[in-house]
Protein backbone atom coordinates (compact mmCIF):
# COMPACT_ATOMS: atom_id res chain seq x y z
CA MET A 1 -75.95 -34.12 -2.13
CA ASP A 2 -78.20 -32.79 -4.29
CA GLU A 3 -77.57 -32.40 -7.37
CA GLY A 4 -78.97 -28.71 -7.76
CA ARG A 5 -76.87 -27.52 -5.26
CA PRO A 6 -73.40 -26.27 -6.07
CA MET A 7 -71.31 -28.78 -3.73
CA SER A 8 -69.15 -25.15 -2.43
CA ALA A 9 -71.71 -24.93 -0.13
CA ASP A 10 -71.25 -27.88 1.92
CA LEU A 11 -67.27 -27.48 2.04
CA GLY A 12 -65.07 -25.87 5.04
CA MET A 13 -62.89 -22.82 4.30
CA PHE A 14 -60.01 -24.96 3.40
CA ASP A 15 -61.86 -26.33 0.87
CA LEU A 16 -63.01 -23.32 -0.21
CA VAL A 17 -60.29 -21.91 -0.68
CA GLY A 18 -57.99 -24.57 -2.01
CA PHE A 19 -54.47 -24.55 -2.32
CA ILE A 20 -51.50 -23.92 -4.36
CA ASP A 21 -49.26 -26.48 -5.86
CA ARG A 22 -45.71 -26.80 -6.42
CA ALA A 23 -46.53 -25.29 -9.84
CA ASP A 24 -47.97 -22.08 -8.92
CA VAL A 25 -51.49 -23.38 -9.42
CA MET A 26 -54.30 -22.57 -7.21
CA TRP A 27 -56.84 -25.29 -7.40
CA THR A 28 -60.32 -25.01 -5.83
CA VAL A 29 -64.10 -25.45 -5.98
CA ALA A 30 -65.66 -22.95 -8.09
CA SER A 31 -69.24 -21.43 -9.86
CA HIS A 32 -70.01 -22.71 -13.36
CA ARG A 33 -69.76 -18.47 -14.10
CA GLU A 34 -65.95 -18.96 -13.02
CA ALA A 35 -65.24 -21.98 -15.15
CA ASN A 36 -67.27 -20.63 -17.98
CA PRO A 37 -65.28 -18.75 -20.04
CA LEU A 38 -62.36 -20.61 -19.98
CA LEU A 39 -64.69 -23.60 -21.81
CA SER A 40 -65.64 -21.63 -23.67
CA ARG A 41 -62.56 -20.25 -25.36
CA GLU A 42 -60.84 -24.12 -24.99
CA HIS A 43 -63.20 -26.82 -24.78
CA TYR A 44 -64.80 -28.66 -28.27
CA LEU A 45 -68.14 -28.97 -26.06
CA GLY A 46 -68.58 -25.54 -25.26
CA PRO A 47 -69.80 -23.65 -21.87
CA LEU A 48 -71.63 -25.23 -18.92
CA THR A 49 -75.23 -24.15 -18.10
CA ALA A 50 -76.56 -23.61 -14.80
CA GLY A 51 -77.32 -26.06 -12.77
CA GLY A 52 -76.86 -30.29 -12.04
CA TYR A 53 -73.47 -30.68 -11.63
CA ALA A 54 -72.35 -32.14 -8.23
CA LEU A 55 -69.08 -30.82 -8.59
CA ILE A 56 -66.53 -27.97 -10.22
CA VAL A 57 -63.28 -27.60 -9.61
CA ILE A 58 -60.65 -24.80 -11.33
CA GLY A 59 -56.84 -24.37 -11.48
CA LYS A 60 -55.85 -20.19 -11.46
CA ARG A 61 -52.60 -19.38 -11.72
CA GLY A 62 -51.68 -15.59 -11.77
CA GLY A 63 -55.64 -14.54 -11.23
CA ASP A 64 -56.05 -16.74 -14.83
CA VAL A 65 -58.35 -19.73 -15.04
CA VAL A 66 -55.80 -22.56 -16.86
CA ALA A 67 -57.82 -25.62 -15.76
CA ALA A 68 -61.10 -26.62 -15.12
CA GLN A 69 -62.89 -30.37 -14.06
CA VAL A 70 -67.19 -30.73 -14.12
CA TRP A 71 -68.16 -33.47 -12.51
CA ARG A 72 -71.90 -34.67 -12.68
CA ARG A 73 -74.37 -37.57 -12.27
CA PRO A 74 -73.69 -39.95 -15.29
CA THR A 75 -76.26 -39.02 -18.53
CA SER A 76 -76.19 -42.47 -18.86
CA ARG A 77 -79.53 -44.64 -17.98
CA ARG A 78 -77.70 -47.74 -18.20
CA LEU A 79 -75.26 -46.12 -14.70
CA PRO A 80 -76.40 -45.34 -11.46
CA SER A 81 -78.08 -42.39 -11.11
CA ASP A 82 -78.43 -42.37 -7.26
CA GLY A 83 -75.20 -40.50 -6.32
CA SER A 84 -73.16 -43.13 -6.24
CA TRP A 85 -71.33 -43.18 -9.57
CA LEU A 86 -70.29 -39.58 -10.64
CA GLU A 87 -69.73 -38.45 -14.49
CA LEU A 88 -66.56 -36.10 -15.73
CA SER A 89 -68.51 -34.29 -18.33
CA ARG A 90 -65.81 -31.54 -19.25
CA TRP A 91 -61.93 -31.59 -18.13
CA CYS A 92 -59.96 -28.56 -19.47
CA LEU A 93 -56.06 -28.44 -19.51
CA THR A 94 -54.11 -25.79 -21.31
CA PRO A 95 -50.55 -25.18 -21.19
CA ALA A 96 -50.73 -22.67 -18.28
CA ALA A 97 -51.32 -24.87 -16.07
CA GLY A 98 -47.71 -26.59 -16.32
CA GLU A 99 -46.41 -30.23 -16.43
CA ASN A 100 -48.58 -33.29 -15.49
CA ALA A 101 -51.54 -30.45 -14.83
CA GLY A 102 -54.04 -33.56 -15.70
CA SER A 103 -52.38 -35.98 -12.30
CA ARG A 104 -52.08 -32.83 -10.23
CA MET A 105 -55.95 -31.44 -10.96
CA HIS A 106 -57.26 -35.33 -10.46
CA ARG A 107 -55.59 -35.93 -7.16
CA TYR A 108 -57.46 -33.41 -5.67
CA GLY A 109 -60.56 -33.80 -7.73
CA VAL A 110 -60.92 -37.17 -5.93
CA GLN A 111 -59.53 -35.80 -2.81
CA LEU A 112 -62.36 -33.71 -2.37
CA ILE A 113 -65.09 -36.33 -3.35
CA ARG A 114 -63.44 -38.87 -1.30
CA ALA A 115 -63.78 -36.57 1.66
CA HIS A 116 -67.32 -34.34 1.03
CA LEU A 117 -69.05 -37.30 -1.19
CA PRO A 118 -68.91 -40.27 0.62
CA ASN A 119 -71.19 -42.12 -1.44
CA VAL A 120 -69.23 -41.92 -4.94
CA THR A 121 -67.68 -45.51 -5.72
CA THR A 122 -66.93 -45.26 -8.88
CA LEU A 123 -66.25 -42.41 -11.42
CA VAL A 124 -67.18 -42.50 -15.26
CA SER A 125 -65.90 -40.45 -18.23
CA TYR A 126 -65.50 -41.03 -22.14
CA SER A 127 -63.28 -39.75 -24.82
CA ASP A 128 -63.91 -38.85 -28.19
CA PRO A 129 -61.33 -40.46 -30.84
CA SER A 130 -63.01 -38.05 -33.01
CA GLN A 131 -61.39 -35.47 -31.21
CA GLY A 132 -57.77 -36.99 -30.96
CA HIS A 133 -58.62 -37.75 -27.46
CA ASP A 134 -56.71 -41.60 -26.77
CA GLY A 135 -56.90 -41.94 -23.17
CA ALA A 136 -53.59 -41.17 -22.53
CA LEU A 137 -54.87 -38.83 -19.66
CA TYR A 138 -57.61 -41.28 -18.25
CA ARG A 139 -54.67 -44.28 -18.71
CA ALA A 140 -52.02 -42.13 -16.56
CA CYS A 141 -54.54 -41.31 -13.97
CA ASN A 142 -55.50 -45.30 -13.01
CA TRP A 143 -58.52 -44.76 -14.88
CA HIS A 144 -59.29 -48.26 -16.27
CA TRP A 145 -61.59 -49.30 -20.23
CA ARG A 146 -64.89 -50.47 -19.98
CA PRO A 147 -66.28 -49.85 -23.05
CA THR A 148 -70.39 -50.25 -24.44
CA TRP A 149 -71.22 -53.26 -26.78
CA LEU A 150 -71.25 -50.61 -29.28
CA ARG A 151 -67.69 -49.43 -28.89
CA LEU A 152 -66.93 -52.83 -29.13
CA ARG A 153 -69.09 -53.65 -32.56
CA PRO A 154 -69.39 -50.34 -34.22
CA PRO A 155 -73.14 -50.77 -36.04
CA PRO A 156 -73.34 -50.60 -39.94
CA GLY A 157 -72.42 -47.26 -41.23
CA GLY A 158 -70.39 -46.57 -38.22
CA HIS A 159 -70.45 -43.26 -35.90
CA GLY A 160 -72.98 -45.31 -33.30
CA ALA A 161 -75.65 -44.79 -35.51
CA TRP A 162 -77.97 -47.88 -36.11
CA VAL A 163 -81.01 -45.53 -37.60
CA PRO A 164 -79.61 -42.99 -41.18
CA GLY A 165 -79.50 -39.82 -40.07
CA GLU A 166 -78.76 -40.20 -36.72
CA ARG A 167 -75.12 -39.82 -36.36
CA GLN A 168 -72.91 -39.67 -32.75
CA GLU A 169 -69.22 -40.31 -31.94
CA ILE A 170 -68.64 -43.65 -30.60
CA LYS A 171 -66.66 -42.82 -27.67
CA ASP A 172 -64.16 -44.42 -25.53
CA ARG A 173 -65.84 -45.95 -21.52
CA TRP A 174 -63.38 -45.10 -18.56
CA VAL A 175 -63.88 -45.83 -15.17
CA PHE A 176 -62.04 -45.02 -12.06
CA GLU A 177 -62.38 -46.71 -8.76
CA VAL A 178 -63.00 -44.33 -5.69
CA LYS A 179 -63.93 -47.06 -3.25
CA PRO A 180 -64.36 -50.71 -3.48
CA ASP A 181 -68.27 -51.56 -4.83
CA PRO A 182 -69.24 -55.43 -5.29
CA ALA A 183 -71.92 -53.73 -8.37
CA ARG A 184 -69.52 -52.00 -10.12
CA GLU A 185 -68.62 -54.66 -12.33
CA ALA A 186 -72.26 -55.96 -12.59
CA VAL A 187 -73.01 -52.14 -14.30
CA THR A 188 -70.12 -52.60 -16.71
CA PHE A 189 -70.85 -55.83 -17.85
CA ILE A 190 -71.68 -56.42 -22.00
CA ASP A 191 -74.56 -58.28 -22.62
CA ASP A 192 -73.50 -59.17 -25.78
CA PRO A 193 -71.42 -62.28 -26.93
CA GLY A 194 -71.63 -61.26 -30.63
CA ALA A 195 -69.73 -57.73 -29.92
CA ILE A 196 -67.62 -59.45 -27.76
CA ARG A 197 -66.19 -61.77 -30.41
CA HIS A 198 -66.01 -58.85 -32.86
CA TRP A 199 -64.05 -57.32 -31.39
CA HIS A 200 -61.66 -60.27 -30.04
CA ALA A 201 -61.21 -60.54 -34.24
CA ASN A 202 -60.48 -57.10 -34.48
CA ALA A 203 -59.07 -55.11 -31.54
CA THR A 204 -55.82 -53.57 -31.94
CA HIS A 205 -53.10 -53.92 -30.31
CA ALA A 206 -53.69 -50.64 -27.80
CA GLU A 207 -56.75 -51.63 -26.90
CA ARG A 208 -55.68 -55.07 -25.67
CA ARG A 209 -53.35 -53.46 -23.95
CA TRP A 210 -56.28 -51.18 -22.45
CA ALA A 211 -58.48 -54.79 -21.82
CA ARG A 212 -55.86 -56.22 -19.46
CA THR A 213 -57.72 -55.09 -16.61
CA HIS A 214 -61.36 -55.63 -18.02
CA PRO A 215 -62.09 -58.72 -16.09
CA GLN A 216 -64.97 -59.79 -18.49
CA LEU A 217 -63.09 -59.11 -22.11
CA MET A 218 -59.71 -61.41 -20.50
CA GLU A 219 -61.90 -64.04 -19.81
CA THR A 220 -63.36 -64.58 -23.05
CA ALA A 221 -60.46 -64.14 -24.02
CA ARG A 222 -59.55 -67.68 -22.77
C-alpha cells in the first residue's frame, strides 16, 4: 500500500463501518482529522500532520472519540521500510473506552492489518518510561521486549545522548508477531556484546522477566 494513501481507500464497506463491541465502543478506520482532537487533548506527542499513515483506528462511544491507534512505516533506519513492518506511533486510550479497551482495540487493529495489509509480518512500538509508560499494555497484548543496544547500555549522562546538548529519552522497544518471519530476529539482533554484558550486570528483575522471550539475551545469559 502507498504510504501516503489512507487505508480506508482499500477497505470494504463492513470495515469502513466497523463494529460495536460489548462495551458499546464502535471501532472503525478513521482519518487523522477525526483522531486529532483526542490526540491533541490526551496524547503527549500531540496531533498528527496530514499524510504518511498506513492505518488509523479510532473508538467512538456516544459519538465521541475515546481511543485512537495510529500506524505508520518505521521511523528507524535500522528497521525494514519495505512494508513488512509497521510502527505504532500513537496509542491513546481514555477511561470512557471502558475496561480492557487496549486489548479490545489491539485485537481489532491486528485483524485489519492481517486482512488488508498481507505483507505486514511485524509490528513495532516504543514505550517511554519518562512519561510513566512501563510497557504493561504491550505485555498484556502479547508484545515482546526487543531493546536496542542503547537501552541496554545508556550513553554517558543518560537520555540517549553521546553528544552534549542532544537530549533524547531512552525508550523500550516492543515487537508483535503478526505472522512468521525468519528475518525478524536478525533485524532486532544486538551487535554489541559490551551492551549485553552491561545489561546482564545491571538488569532489573522486571527486565529479566521481559527478556524471557528474547532469544539473544537468554542465550548470552547461559
